[in-house]
Amino acid sequence: MLDPVTLAVLKGRLEQIADEMDATLYRSAFNPIIAEAHDACHGIYDATTGATLVQGKSGLPVFVGAMAFAVQAAARAASERGGMVEGDVWLFNDPYEGGTHANDFKLVRPVFRNGKLYCFLASAAHWHDVGGAVPGNYNPAATECWQEAVQIPPVRILRSGELDLDVLAILKANTRLPDSLWGDLNGQLAALELGGRRLSDLLDEYGDGTVQDALVQLRERAVKLMRTHVAALPDGEYVYQDTLDNDGVRDEPLTIALRMRVEGELLTLDFTGTSPACMGPVNISRATAIAACYVALKHLFPDVPANAGVLDAVRFELPEGLLISAQRPRPVGGYTETILRMIDVIFCAMAKAAPERAMGQAYGTINALSIAGYRTDEARRGQRWVMFSFFGGGHGGHIDGDGLSHGNAPISTATIPPVEILEAAYPVRFTQWALRPDSAGDGAHRGGLGAIYEIELLEESAEAFVFGERGRSAPQGIAGGEASVPNVFRYQNEGQWHTPPMASKMLGIKLTKGERVRLETPGGGGYGAPAQRDEAARAHDREMGYVTTQATVSGERGATKKEQQA
């Protein structure tokens, strides 16, 4: 048993290794989704089980949960082809084995000590474009995985330290942006190389056995603390369900249903009432579903160490064939929308057991938007460009205060790409980037405000698509708090504004120079009864323009908000 000081020092040193790997990739990636939005993650994983041992503080938590499955997949592939070899790095994007979707490339590097496998380092990052039917790969009309992106099983991108040029050639042939792919791949390889050196230095300094003891104790602490938190909840069954607008193919709502059972120190998350796997790309794999639960539980119990011990006190009931346990070839490109709804139902079920731990629902969609075309200026004529980005909204109110306005989705610690970067990289102009008035759910603590983004095309022509959610159901409040407002997407054609037939998803939007697309994102749900909101807080909301003069301030939605819902 290590003394507390040594354990704390090793915990910090191990986390710093993951943080440095994150920073290395962010600084070297070509793709703004990685370099600016930080849609990536690095961690240290168990040599035998692949379980999460350490994660960085800036990487995406949903990747950390899914990467345990990714490491297991790489290990299985290696066992069939001669075993793990020092200097190898395995690469793949299979979402059914490694979780999330095909844009997220996972790289797994074994770490050896004295000829024996000690642990794995792993990197996950969202590549800009990896083939498929639409630029950026969030294809809202996909009905099978091959329409979304190229499918790469676990293969060695490095063999004994040497780059496999055959694999690289396949990757470059299956992207619209080979330079971006090459830069992002190099960034991930560099991050893993740095992580390997830093870990080797740490092991040399403290000894392999001492560091291993620290990893075991950190997991044991997570298990113990998680079980203590669960035991403090009232025993019982807490039920909640919510819906997705549609799957992008059939215009029918889909249900995410949860029965959360608390029995002493055991927490059961039972999703058997969830809709079956669907035709369109809002399915997710079982690995992704468990990763989403990990993220939700870390929000609810933030003091539990971030490792696999979080899930040791949790039992999952996830039968095969559900929307959230889909298998190949069901499309999974829009996984973000579904895991956000899973987090919503976990928060709202927890609000029935311990409202002081939960928060109102966040805005509930990343609003994946792509605008793509070809350059027409003399210097770059015919050059392909693809603007892909995601956008923010309001977070839910909570016991300690109002929700965050214009935040990023609660699945991650990523940031919204800055307007200056997007305008510098692509032929677009943001004519509006602002908070959305009257978009927050009312309550003793209101939700945060959503945002308005309006984008004008500066090139001669382009094609756009949007993959969003919450177009037909607003984020809900808890503990008596009110709902916010739905998501709104509009686009211009020939001087007229239009909305998608499926509200939040649309493919093949033709734009010409000067035409615009517009997103009005939801705010967060409120916390507590609106009648309990302090009058000084309401006056401040009016003064700042968060609530307009057309809106009432007694808990009822105002005229502006009703117009936005219409």
Protein backbone atom coordinates (compact mmCIF):
# COMPACT_ATOMS: atom_id res chain seq x y z
CA MET A 1 0.00 0.00 0.00
CA LEU A 2 1.47 3.31 -1.10
CA ASP A 3 1.48 6.28 1.26
CA PRO A 4 -1.00 9.04 0.36
CA VAL A 5 1.66 11.52 -0.76
CA THR A 6 3.33 9.11 -3.17
CA LEU A 7 -0.05 8.05 -4.54
CA ALA A 8 -1.07 11.68 -5.12
CA VAL A 9 2.24 12.45 -6.84
CA LEU A 10 1.95 9.44 -9.14
CA LYS A 11 -1.68 10.25 -9.94
CA GLY A 12 -0.65 13.75 -11.00
CA ARG A 13 2.33 12.50 -13.01
CA LEU A 14 0.24 9.90 -14.85
CA GLU A 15 -2.48 12.42 -15.65
CA GLN A 16 0.18 14.82 -16.87
CA ILE A 17 1.37 12.23 -19.39
CA ALA A 18 -2.15 12.03 -20.85
CA ASP A 19 -2.46 15.83 -20.77
CA GLU A 20 0.83 16.21 -22.67
CA MET A 21 -0.33 13.76 -25.31
CA ASP A 22 -3.53 15.79 -25.70
CA ALA A 23 -1.57 19.04 -26.03
CA THR A 24 0.85 17.54 -28.56
CA LEU A 25 -1.99 16.55 -30.86
CA TYR A 26 -3.89 19.82 -30.46
CA ARG A 27 -0.79 21.79 -31.45
CA SER A 28 0.13 19.65 -34.46
CA ALA A 29 -3.20 18.59 -36.03
CA PHE A 30 -4.21 20.13 -39.36
CA ASN A 31 -7.94 19.72 -38.76
CA PRO A 32 -9.69 22.55 -36.81
CA ILE A 33 -12.02 20.02 -35.17
CA ILE A 34 -8.95 18.65 -33.40
CA ALA A 35 -6.66 21.68 -33.27
CA GLU A 36 -9.29 24.20 -32.14
CA ALA A 37 -12.26 22.20 -30.87
CA HIS A 38 -10.10 19.53 -29.14
CA ASP A 39 -12.23 16.62 -30.41
CA ALA A 40 -9.66 14.04 -29.28
CA CYS A 41 -8.47 12.09 -26.27
CA HIS A 42 -5.49 10.17 -24.88
CA GLY A 43 -5.17 7.74 -22.02
CA ILE A 44 -3.37 4.82 -20.40
CA TYR A 45 -5.06 1.41 -20.50
CA ASP A 46 -4.65 -1.93 -18.76
CA ALA A 47 -2.41 -4.51 -20.45
CA THR A 48 -4.78 -7.41 -19.75
CA THR A 49 -8.33 -6.03 -19.87
CA GLY A 50 -7.93 -2.77 -21.79
CA ALA A 51 -9.72 -0.97 -18.94
CA THR A 52 -9.17 2.75 -18.50
CA LEU A 53 -6.38 3.46 -16.02
CA VAL A 54 -5.73 7.17 -16.55
CA GLN A 55 -7.26 9.89 -18.69
CA GLY A 56 -6.21 13.45 -19.34
CA LYS A 57 -8.19 16.43 -18.13
CA SER A 58 -8.70 17.98 -21.58
CA GLY A 59 -9.63 14.95 -23.69
CA LEU A 60 -13.20 13.95 -24.52
CA PRO A 61 -14.64 11.81 -21.69
CA VAL A 62 -16.82 9.82 -24.10
CA PHE A 63 -13.67 8.69 -25.92
CA VAL A 64 -12.13 7.58 -22.65
CA GLY A 65 -15.07 5.27 -21.97
CA ALA A 66 -15.11 3.91 -25.52
CA MET A 67 -11.35 3.49 -25.83
CA ALA A 68 -11.34 0.57 -23.40
CA PHE A 69 -13.27 -1.34 -26.06
CA ALA A 70 -10.92 -0.04 -28.76
CA VAL A 71 -7.86 -1.35 -26.92
CA GLN A 72 -9.54 -4.73 -26.54
CA ALA A 73 -10.27 -4.80 -30.29
CA ALA A 74 -6.66 -4.00 -31.17
CA ALA A 75 -5.44 -6.68 -28.76
CA ARG A 76 -7.74 -9.28 -30.33
CA ALA A 77 -6.50 -8.39 -33.81
CA ALA A 78 -2.89 -8.62 -32.68
CA SER A 79 -3.45 -12.03 -31.07
CA GLU A 80 -4.57 -13.35 -34.45
CA ARG A 81 -1.48 -11.95 -36.22
CA GLY A 82 1.49 -12.80 -34.09
CA GLY A 83 0.76 -10.81 -30.95
CA MET A 84 1.66 -7.30 -29.83
CA VAL A 85 5.16 -6.25 -30.87
CA GLU A 86 7.22 -3.40 -29.46
CA GLY A 87 7.21 -0.45 -31.87
CA ASP A 88 3.87 -1.37 -33.46
CA VAL A 89 0.93 1.03 -33.50
CA TRP A 90 -2.52 -0.27 -34.40
CA LEU A 91 -5.03 1.96 -36.18
CA PHE A 92 -8.75 1.59 -36.93
CA ASN A 93 -12.08 3.39 -36.97
CA ASP A 94 -14.53 0.49 -36.50
CA PRO A 95 -17.37 2.01 -34.43
CA TYR A 96 -18.88 -1.36 -33.52
CA GLU A 97 -15.69 -2.58 -31.84
CA GLY A 98 -14.18 0.68 -30.61
CA GLY A 99 -17.25 2.85 -30.15
CA THR A 100 -18.41 6.30 -31.40
CA HIS A 101 -18.38 6.68 -35.22
CA ALA A 102 -16.11 6.20 -38.23
CA ASN A 103 -14.65 9.73 -38.16
CA ASP A 104 -12.97 8.88 -34.87
CA PHE A 105 -9.70 7.10 -35.59
CA LYS A 106 -8.22 5.12 -32.70
CA LEU A 107 -4.48 4.45 -32.45
CA VAL A 108 -3.25 1.90 -29.89
CA ARG A 109 0.41 1.55 -28.90
CA PRO A 110 1.67 -1.24 -26.62
CA VAL A 111 4.22 -0.27 -23.96
CA PHE A 112 6.79 -2.94 -23.09
CA ARG A 113 9.09 -3.16 -20.09
CA ASN A 114 11.92 -5.72 -20.12
CA GLY A 115 10.23 -7.53 -22.98
CA LYS A 116 6.84 -7.80 -21.24
CA LEU A 117 3.67 -5.88 -22.11
CA TYR A 118 3.13 -3.31 -19.35
CA CYS A 119 0.16 -1.25 -20.58
CA PHE A 120 -1.30 0.46 -23.64
CA LEU A 121 -1.28 4.09 -24.70
CA ALA A 122 -4.16 5.08 -26.92
CA SER A 123 -5.23 8.08 -28.97
CA ALA A 124 -8.63 8.89 -30.46
CA ALA A 125 -9.33 11.87 -32.72
CA HIS A 126 -12.01 13.06 -35.12
CA TRP A 127 -10.60 13.13 -38.67
CA HIS A 128 -12.10 15.74 -40.95
CA ASP A 129 -13.24 13.53 -43.83
CA VAL A 130 -12.92 9.79 -44.38
CA GLY A 131 -14.86 9.12 -47.55
CA GLY A 132 -18.51 8.17 -47.56
CA ALA A 133 -21.37 9.79 -49.42
CA VAL A 134 -21.09 13.32 -48.01
CA PRO A 135 -18.17 15.62 -47.13
CA GLY A 136 -17.56 15.47 -43.39
CA ASN A 137 -19.36 12.11 -43.07
CA TYR A 138 -22.39 13.01 -40.92
CA ASN A 139 -24.69 11.61 -43.60
CA PRO A 140 -28.27 12.09 -42.32
CA ALA A 141 -29.67 9.79 -45.03
CA ALA A 142 -27.32 6.82 -44.51
CA THR A 143 -28.95 3.41 -44.13
CA GLU A 144 -25.76 1.36 -43.79
CA CYS A 145 -22.28 2.05 -42.45
CA TRP A 146 -20.55 2.01 -45.85
CA GLN A 147 -22.54 5.08 -46.90
CA GLU A 148 -21.04 6.98 -43.96
CA ALA A 149 -17.28 6.51 -44.28
CA VAL A 150 -14.53 4.08 -45.19
CA GLN A 151 -14.38 1.19 -42.71
CA ILE A 152 -10.88 0.37 -41.44
CA PRO A 153 -10.45 -2.69 -39.17
CA PRO A 154 -7.50 -2.87 -36.75
CA VAL A 155 -4.29 -2.73 -38.86
CA ARG A 156 -0.70 -1.79 -38.09
CA ILE A 157 0.14 1.72 -39.21
CA LEU A 158 3.59 1.34 -37.62
CA ARG A 159 5.47 -1.97 -37.79
CA SER A 160 8.41 -2.08 -35.42
CA GLY A 161 8.56 1.69 -35.60
CA GLU A 162 8.32 1.95 -39.40
CA LEU A 163 5.35 3.60 -41.14
CA ASP A 164 3.35 1.15 -43.28
CA LEU A 165 3.10 3.01 -46.59
CA ASP A 166 0.51 0.57 -47.98
CA VAL A 167 -1.94 1.35 -45.18
CA LEU A 168 -1.21 5.06 -45.55
CA ALA A 169 -1.97 4.88 -49.28
CA ILE A 170 -5.36 3.29 -48.57
CA LEU A 171 -6.20 5.98 -46.03
CA LYS A 172 -5.21 8.83 -48.37
CA ALA A 173 -7.25 7.34 -51.21
CA ASN A 174 -10.39 7.41 -49.07
CA THR A 175 -10.57 11.06 -48.10
CA ARG A 176 -11.41 14.32 -49.82
CA LEU A 177 -8.71 16.02 -47.73
CA PRO A 178 -5.51 13.89 -47.80
CA ASP A 179 -3.31 16.68 -46.42
CA SER A 180 -5.55 17.05 -43.39
CA LEU A 181 -5.54 13.30 -42.82
CA TRP A 182 -1.74 13.13 -43.06
CA GLY A 183 -1.32 15.96 -40.56
CA ASP A 184 -3.78 14.49 -38.07
CA LEU A 185 -2.24 11.02 -38.30
CA ASN A 186 1.24 12.42 -37.69
CA GLY A 187 -0.08 14.38 -34.72
CA GLN A 188 -1.52 11.25 -33.12
CA LEU A 189 1.66 9.24 -33.75
CA ALA A 190 3.74 12.05 -32.23
CA ALA A 191 1.47 12.18 -29.18
CA LEU A 192 1.87 8.44 -28.59
CA GLU A 193 5.63 8.67 -29.06
CA LEU A 194 5.84 11.44 -26.47
CA GLY A 195 3.59 9.51 -24.10
CA GLY A 196 5.83 6.48 -24.40
CA ARG A 197 8.92 8.50 -23.48
CA ARG A 198 7.23 10.22 -20.55
CA LEU A 199 5.89 6.94 -19.18
CA SER A 200 9.28 5.27 -19.54
CA ASP A 201 10.89 8.10 -17.58
CA LEU A 202 8.30 7.78 -14.82
CA LEU A 203 8.77 4.01 -14.58
CA ASP A 204 12.54 4.41 -14.46
CA GLU A 205 12.21 6.93 -11.65
CA TYR A 206 9.69 5.12 -9.42
CA GLY A 207 9.90 1.51 -10.58
CA ASP A 208 7.42 -0.57 -12.54
CA GLY A 209 5.92 -2.18 -9.45
CA THR A 210 5.33 1.09 -7.59
CA VAL A 211 3.51 2.67 -10.54
CA GLN A 212 1.45 -0.50 -11.01
CA ASP A 213 0.47 -0.39 -7.32
CA ALA A 214 -0.66 3.23 -7.79
CA LEU A 215 -2.85 2.28 -10.75
CA VAL A 216 -4.49 -0.52 -8.76
CA GLN A 217 -5.13 1.73 -5.75
CA LEU A 218 -6.59 4.52 -7.89
CA ARG A 219 -9.10 2.10 -9.37
CA GLU A 220 -9.97 0.71 -5.94
CA ARG A 221 -10.58 4.25 -4.68
CA ALA A 222 -12.91 4.96 -7.62
CA VAL A 223 -14.89 1.77 -6.92
CA LYS A 224 -15.17 2.50 -3.21
CA LEU A 225 -16.23 6.12 -3.68
CA MET A 226 -18.73 5.25 -6.40
CA ARG A 227 -20.36 2.57 -4.23
CA THR A 228 -20.51 5.00 -1.32
CA HIS A 229 -22.33 7.54 -3.50
CA VAL A 230 -24.78 4.92 -4.77
CA ALA A 231 -25.47 3.68 -1.24
CA ALA A 232 -26.38 7.24 -0.23
CA LEU A 233 -29.19 7.32 -2.80
CA PRO A 234 -32.70 6.22 -1.73
CA ASP A 235 -33.32 2.62 -2.79
CA GLY A 236 -35.96 2.38 -5.47
CA GLU A 237 -36.72 2.47 -9.18
CA TYR A 238 -36.61 5.76 -11.08
CA VAL A 239 -38.03 5.84 -14.61
CA TYR A 240 -37.57 8.39 -17.36
CA GLN A 241 -37.77 8.42 -21.14
CA ASP A 242 -37.15 10.93 -23.89
CA THR A 243 -37.21 10.97 -27.69
CA LEU A 244 -35.14 11.72 -30.76
CA ASP A 245 -36.89 13.66 -33.54
CA ASN A 246 -36.32 10.92 -36.12
CA ASP A 247 -33.50 8.90 -37.67
CA GLY A 248 -33.13 11.05 -40.80
CA VAL A 249 -34.75 8.38 -42.99
CA ARG A 250 -38.14 7.76 -41.41
CA ASP A 251 -39.88 10.73 -39.84
CA GLU A 252 -40.88 8.93 -36.65
CA PRO A 253 -39.76 9.66 -33.07
CA LEU A 254 -37.44 7.20 -31.35
CA THR A 255 -37.49 6.50 -27.62
CA ILE A 256 -34.60 6.28 -25.16
CA ALA A 257 -36.09 4.69 -22.02
CA LEU A 258 -34.35 4.15 -18.69
CA ARG A 259 -35.28 2.29 -15.52
CA MET A 260 -32.67 3.23 -12.94
CA ARG A 261 -32.66 0.94 -9.93
CA VAL A 262 -30.80 1.63 -6.70
CA GLU A 263 -30.25 -1.40 -4.47
CA GLY A 264 -27.78 -0.68 -1.71
CA GLU A 265 -24.37 -0.15 -3.33
CA LEU A 266 -25.53 -1.39 -6.75
CA LEU A 267 -26.82 0.93 -9.47
CA THR A 268 -28.63 -0.71 -12.40
CA LEU A 269 -29.19 1.16 -15.66
CA ASP A 270 -31.87 -0.76 -17.57
CA PHE A 271 -32.51 0.47 -21.13
CA THR A 272 -34.67 -2.44 -22.31
CA GLY A 273 -37.60 -0.13 -23.14
CA THR A 274 -35.58 1.73 -25.79
CA SER A 275 -36.63 1.65 -29.45
CA PRO A 276 -35.21 -1.06 -31.71
CA ALA A 277 -32.29 -0.30 -34.02
CA CYS A 278 -33.43 2.02 -36.80
CA MET A 279 -32.75 2.53 -40.50
CA GLY A 280 -31.02 5.90 -40.17
CA PRO A 281 -27.70 6.93 -38.59
CA VAL A 282 -28.68 7.61 -34.98
CA ASN A 283 -27.91 4.06 -33.86
CA ILE A 284 -24.99 3.50 -31.49
CA SER A 285 -23.02 0.42 -30.51
CA ARG A 286 -23.07 -1.09 -27.03
CA ALA A 287 -19.55 0.22 -26.42
CA THR A 288 -20.70 3.76 -27.18
CA ALA A 289 -23.76 3.40 -24.93
CA ILE A 290 -21.64 2.33 -21.95
CA ALA A 291 -19.23 5.19 -22.64
CA ALA A 292 -22.18 7.63 -22.57
CA CYS A 293 -23.25 6.27 -19.18
CA TYR A 294 -19.69 6.75 -17.92
CA VAL A 295 -19.82 10.42 -18.94
CA ALA A 296 -23.21 10.97 -17.27
CA LEU A 297 -22.07 9.34 -14.03
CA LYS A 298 -18.91 11.46 -13.97
CA HIS A 299 -21.12 14.57 -14.23
CA LEU A 300 -23.28 13.35 -11.34
CA PHE A 301 -20.37 12.18 -9.17
CA PRO A 302 -17.48 14.44 -10.20
CA ASP A 303 -15.22 13.56 -7.28
CA VAL A 304 -14.87 9.90 -8.34
CA PRO A 305 -11.45 9.30 -9.98
CA ALA A 306 -11.73 9.03 -13.75
CA ASN A 307 -10.97 5.39 -14.45
CA ALA A 308 -12.76 2.08 -15.04
CA GLY A 309 -13.69 1.87 -11.36
CA VAL A 310 -16.56 4.28 -12.08
CA LEU A 311 -18.45 1.44 -13.76
CA ASP A 312 -17.62 -1.35 -11.28
CA ALA A 313 -20.63 -0.38 -9.14
CA VAL A 314 -22.96 -0.28 -12.16
CA ARG A 315 -24.90 -3.07 -13.86
CA PHE A 316 -26.11 -2.54 -17.43
CA GLU A 317 -29.16 -4.08 -19.03
CA LEU A 318 -28.69 -3.48 -22.75
CA PRO A 319 -30.26 -6.24 -24.83
CA GLU A 320 -29.04 -6.70 -28.40
CA GLY A 321 -30.96 -5.15 -31.26
CA LEU A 322 -31.77 -1.82 -29.64
CA LEU A 323 -31.11 1.64 -30.99
CA ILE A 324 -28.30 1.80 -28.39
CA SER A 325 -26.83 -1.68 -28.97
CA ALA A 326 -26.78 -1.74 -32.76
CA GLN A 327 -24.48 -3.93 -34.81
CA ARG A 328 -22.96 -3.70 -38.27
CA PRO A 329 -24.15 -2.57 -40.78
CA ARG A 330 -26.61 -0.28 -38.97
CA PRO A 331 -25.39 3.31 -39.54
CA VAL A 332 -24.00 5.09 -36.48
CA GLY A 333 -22.64 8.38 -37.86
CA GLY A 334 -24.92 10.57 -35.74
CA TYR A 335 -23.95 8.89 -32.49
CA THR A 336 -23.53 12.23 -30.73
CA GLU A 337 -27.27 12.96 -30.83
CA THR A 338 -28.17 9.62 -29.26
CA ILE A 339 -25.61 9.69 -26.45
CA LEU A 340 -26.74 13.20 -25.56
CA ARG A 341 -30.26 11.86 -25.12
CA MET A 342 -28.93 8.99 -23.00
CA ILE A 343 -27.24 11.54 -20.75
CA ASP A 344 -30.51 13.49 -20.59
CA VAL A 345 -32.51 10.49 -19.37
CA ILE A 346 -29.85 9.58 -16.79
CA PHE A 347 -29.87 13.14 -15.44
CA CYS A 348 -33.67 13.22 -15.24
CA ALA A 349 -33.93 9.79 -13.62
CA MET A 350 -31.31 10.86 -11.07
CA ALA A 351 -33.32 14.06 -10.44
CA LYS A 352 -36.09 11.86 -9.05
CA ALA A 353 -33.70 10.19 -6.62
CA ALA A 354 -31.36 13.08 -5.74
CA PRO A 355 -32.28 16.35 -7.44
CA GLU A 356 -29.39 18.14 -5.74
CA ARG A 357 -26.98 16.10 -7.87
CA ALA A 358 -28.73 16.54 -11.21
CA MET A 359 -29.23 19.44 -13.58
CA GLY A 360 -31.77 20.45 -16.19
CA GLN A 361 -31.26 19.02 -19.65
CA ALA A 362 -28.68 20.72 -21.85
CA TYR A 363 -29.44 21.79 -25.42
CA GLY A 364 -29.14 18.22 -26.63
CA THR A 365 -27.57 18.41 -30.10
CA ILE A 366 -24.20 19.24 -31.63
CA ASN A 367 -25.89 20.49 -34.84
CA ALA A 368 -23.25 18.96 -37.11
CA LEU A 369 -23.15 21.26 -40.14
CA SER A 370 -21.11 20.87 -43.30
CA ILE A 371 -20.75 23.33 -46.18
CA ALA A 372 -18.50 22.12 -48.98
CA GLY A 373 -17.54 22.97 -52.53
CA TYR A 374 -14.66 23.88 -54.86
CA ARG A 375 -12.58 27.04 -54.95
CA THR A 376 -13.06 29.31 -57.95
CA ASP A 377 -10.36 31.94 -57.39
CA GLU A 378 -7.42 31.88 -59.81
CA ALA A 379 -4.82 30.73 -57.27
CA ARG A 380 -6.83 27.77 -55.97
CA ARG A 381 -9.26 26.97 -58.77
CA GLY A 382 -10.77 23.50 -58.40
CA GLN A 383 -9.39 22.94 -54.89
CA ARG A 384 -11.76 21.04 -52.60
CA TRP A 385 -12.90 22.67 -49.37
CA VAL A 386 -15.04 21.18 -46.59
CA MET A 387 -16.22 23.23 -43.63
CA PHE A 388 -17.45 20.86 -40.96
CA SER A 389 -18.22 22.11 -37.50
CA PHE A 390 -20.45 21.66 -34.48
CA PHE A 391 -22.16 24.35 -32.47
CA GLY A 392 -23.15 25.22 -28.91
CA GLY A 393 -26.20 25.89 -26.80
CA GLY A 394 -27.38 26.30 -23.21
CA HIS A 395 -26.79 23.95 -20.30
CA GLY A 396 -29.34 23.15 -17.62
CA GLY A 397 -29.89 25.01 -14.39
CA HIS A 398 -28.69 23.29 -11.21
CA ILE A 399 -28.93 23.64 -7.46
CA ASP A 400 -26.02 26.09 -7.31
CA GLY A 401 -27.09 28.47 -10.06
CA ASP A 402 -28.11 29.16 -13.64
CA GLY A 403 -26.93 26.99 -16.49
CA LEU A 404 -24.00 27.87 -18.73
CA SER A 405 -24.92 29.91 -21.81
CA HIS A 406 -23.46 28.95 -25.20
CA GLY A 407 -21.54 25.96 -23.92
CA ASN A 408 -20.44 22.84 -25.70
CA ALA A 409 -22.22 19.50 -25.40
CA PRO A 410 -21.86 17.71 -22.03
CA ILE A 411 -20.33 14.66 -23.72
CA SER A 412 -16.96 16.39 -23.85
CA THR A 413 -14.55 19.07 -22.79
CA ALA A 414 -14.20 20.17 -26.40
CA THR A 415 -14.63 23.80 -27.38
CA ILE A 416 -16.70 25.37 -30.14
CA PRO A 417 -14.40 26.24 -33.07
CA PRO A 418 -13.77 30.03 -33.02
CA VAL A 419 -15.47 32.12 -35.66
CA GLU A 420 -12.12 33.67 -36.65
CA ILE A 421 -10.64 30.25 -37.45
CA LEU A 422 -13.66 29.15 -39.48
CA GLU A 423 -13.76 32.37 -41.50
CA ALA A 424 -10.01 32.23 -42.13
CA ALA A 425 -10.09 28.60 -43.28
CA TYR A 426 -13.24 28.57 -45.43
CA PRO A 427 -15.06 30.89 -47.87
CA VAL A 428 -17.85 31.79 -45.44
CA ARG A 429 -18.80 34.79 -43.32
CA PHE A 430 -20.68 34.63 -40.02
CA THR A 431 -23.26 37.40 -40.20
CA GLN A 432 -24.48 36.51 -36.70
CA TRP A 433 -22.86 34.75 -33.72
CA ALA A 434 -24.89 35.66 -30.67
CA LEU A 435 -26.83 34.47 -27.65
CA ARG A 436 -30.45 33.53 -28.42
CA PRO A 437 -32.81 35.62 -26.28
CA ASP A 438 -35.72 33.87 -24.53
CA SER A 439 -34.23 30.44 -25.21
CA ALA A 440 -33.61 29.32 -21.60
CA GLY A 441 -35.96 27.23 -19.50
CA ASP A 442 -37.32 29.23 -16.58
CA GLY A 443 -36.83 28.17 -12.98
CA ALA A 444 -35.46 29.13 -9.61
CA HIS A 445 -32.22 28.74 -11.53
CA ARG A 446 -32.84 29.19 -15.24
CA GLY A 447 -31.10 27.29 -17.97
CA GLY A 448 -28.30 28.81 -19.98
CA LEU A 449 -29.09 30.53 -23.28
CA GLY A 450 -28.73 28.94 -26.67
CA ALA A 451 -27.07 30.68 -29.59
CA ILE A 452 -27.79 32.06 -33.06
CA TYR A 453 -25.37 31.37 -35.89
CA GLU A 454 -25.97 32.74 -39.38
CA ILE A 455 -23.47 31.83 -42.10
CA GLU A 456 -23.17 33.43 -45.55
CA LEU A 457 -21.50 31.64 -48.47
CA LEU A 458 -18.75 33.67 -50.17
CA GLU A 459 -17.94 31.16 -52.95
CA GLU A 460 -19.98 30.82 -56.14
CA SER A 461 -21.75 27.64 -55.01
CA ALA A 462 -21.66 24.95 -52.34
CA GLU A 463 -23.68 22.12 -50.89
CA ALA A 464 -24.62 21.85 -47.23
CA PHE A 465 -26.10 19.33 -44.85
CA VAL A 466 -27.19 19.49 -41.23
CA PHE A 467 -27.44 16.68 -38.69
CA GLY A 468 -29.11 17.91 -35.54
CA GLU A 469 -31.75 17.09 -32.95
CA ARG A 470 -34.21 18.72 -30.57
CA GLY A 471 -36.13 20.20 -33.49
CA ARG A 472 -39.41 18.81 -32.15
CA SER A 473 -38.91 18.45 -28.41
CA ALA A 474 -37.32 21.03 -26.17
CA PRO A 475 -34.80 20.24 -23.40
CA GLN A 476 -36.65 19.67 -20.12
CA GLY A 477 -36.19 21.20 -16.70
CA ILE A 478 -36.06 19.31 -13.41
CA ALA A 479 -37.33 19.81 -9.84
CA GLY A 480 -40.15 22.02 -11.16
CA GLY A 481 -38.03 23.90 -13.71
CA GLU A 482 -39.45 24.58 -17.16
CA ALA A 483 -38.42 23.39 -20.60
CA SER A 484 -36.43 25.63 -22.94
CA VAL A 485 -37.19 25.88 -26.67
CA PRO A 486 -36.64 23.60 -29.67
CA ASN A 487 -33.78 23.78 -32.13
CA VAL A 488 -34.38 25.71 -35.38
CA PHE A 489 -32.46 25.36 -38.65
CA ARG A 490 -33.20 27.49 -41.73
CA TYR A 491 -31.57 27.92 -45.12
CA GLN A 492 -31.99 30.35 -48.03
CA ASN A 493 -32.82 29.51 -51.64
CA GLU A 494 -33.70 32.17 -54.21
CA GLY A 495 -34.37 34.76 -51.54
CA GLN A 496 -36.71 32.57 -49.46
CA TRP A 497 -36.06 30.95 -46.10
CA HIS A 498 -36.88 27.24 -45.74
CA THR A 499 -36.82 24.64 -42.95
CA PRO A 500 -36.02 20.91 -43.34
CA PRO A 501 -39.01 18.55 -43.70
CA MET A 502 -37.53 16.46 -40.86
CA ALA A 503 -36.93 19.54 -38.70
CA SER A 504 -33.34 18.84 -37.69
CA LYS A 505 -31.73 16.81 -40.48
CA MET A 506 -31.29 17.47 -44.19
CA LEU A 507 -28.96 16.50 -47.01
CA GLY A 508 -28.22 18.18 -50.34
CA ILE A 509 -28.91 21.85 -49.55
CA LYS A 510 -27.77 23.81 -52.61
CA LEU A 511 -26.36 27.26 -51.87
CA THR A 512 -25.19 30.04 -54.17
CA LYS A 513 -23.05 33.05 -53.34
CA GLY A 514 -24.66 35.31 -50.74
CA GLU A 515 -27.15 32.73 -49.50
CA ARG A 516 -27.18 31.85 -45.82
CA VAL A 517 -27.91 29.08 -43.36
CA ARG A 518 -29.09 29.84 -39.83
CA LEU A 519 -29.04 27.86 -36.60
CA GLU A 520 -31.01 28.87 -33.50
CA THR A 521 -29.96 26.44 -30.79
CA PRO A 522 -31.89 25.55 -27.64
CA GLY A 523 -31.09 26.77 -24.17
CA GLY A 524 -30.98 24.51 -21.13
CA GLY A 525 -33.86 23.40 -18.96
CA GLY A 526 -34.57 25.20 -15.71
CA TYR A 527 -34.03 23.97 -12.14
CA GLY A 528 -36.65 24.53 -9.44
CA ALA A 529 -39.99 26.31 -9.57
CA PRO A 530 -39.97 29.63 -11.49
CA ALA A 531 -41.86 31.32 -8.65
CA GLN A 532 -38.76 30.86 -6.50
CA ARG A 533 -36.49 32.85 -8.79
CA ASP A 534 -35.07 35.97 -7.20
CA GLU A 535 -36.50 39.22 -8.59
CA ALA A 536 -33.04 40.75 -8.80
CA ALA A 537 -31.99 37.86 -11.03
CA ARG A 538 -35.02 38.47 -13.26
CA ALA A 539 -34.19 42.17 -13.50
CA HIS A 540 -30.64 41.28 -14.50
CA ASP A 541 -31.95 38.90 -17.19
CA ARG A 542 -34.06 41.73 -18.66
CA GLU A 543 -31.23 44.23 -18.44
CA MET A 544 -28.81 41.91 -20.25
CA GLY A 545 -31.36 41.03 -22.94
CA TYR A 546 -31.53 37.37 -21.93
CA VAL A 547 -35.28 37.84 -21.55
CA THR A 548 -36.83 40.40 -23.88
CA THR A 549 -39.55 42.92 -23.11
CA GLN A 550 -41.99 40.75 -25.10
CA ALA A 551 -41.42 37.82 -22.73
CA THR A 552 -43.12 37.47 -19.38
CA VAL A 553 -41.03 36.91 -16.27
CA SER A 554 -43.44 34.96 -14.09
CA GLY A 555 -42.51 31.52 -15.33
CA GLU A 556 -44.62 31.63 -18.51
CA ARG A 557 -43.02 31.67 -21.93
CA GLY A 558 -43.15 35.04 -23.61
CA ALA A 559 -44.27 35.95 -27.11
CA THR A 560 -40.80 35.80 -28.57
CA LYS A 561 -40.27 32.30 -27.29
CA LYS A 562 -43.63 31.16 -28.67
CA GLU A 563 -42.77 32.63 -32.05
CA GLN A 564 -39.50 30.71 -32.04
CA GLN A 565 -41.37 27.47 -31.30
CA ALA A 566 -43.90 28.05 -34.08
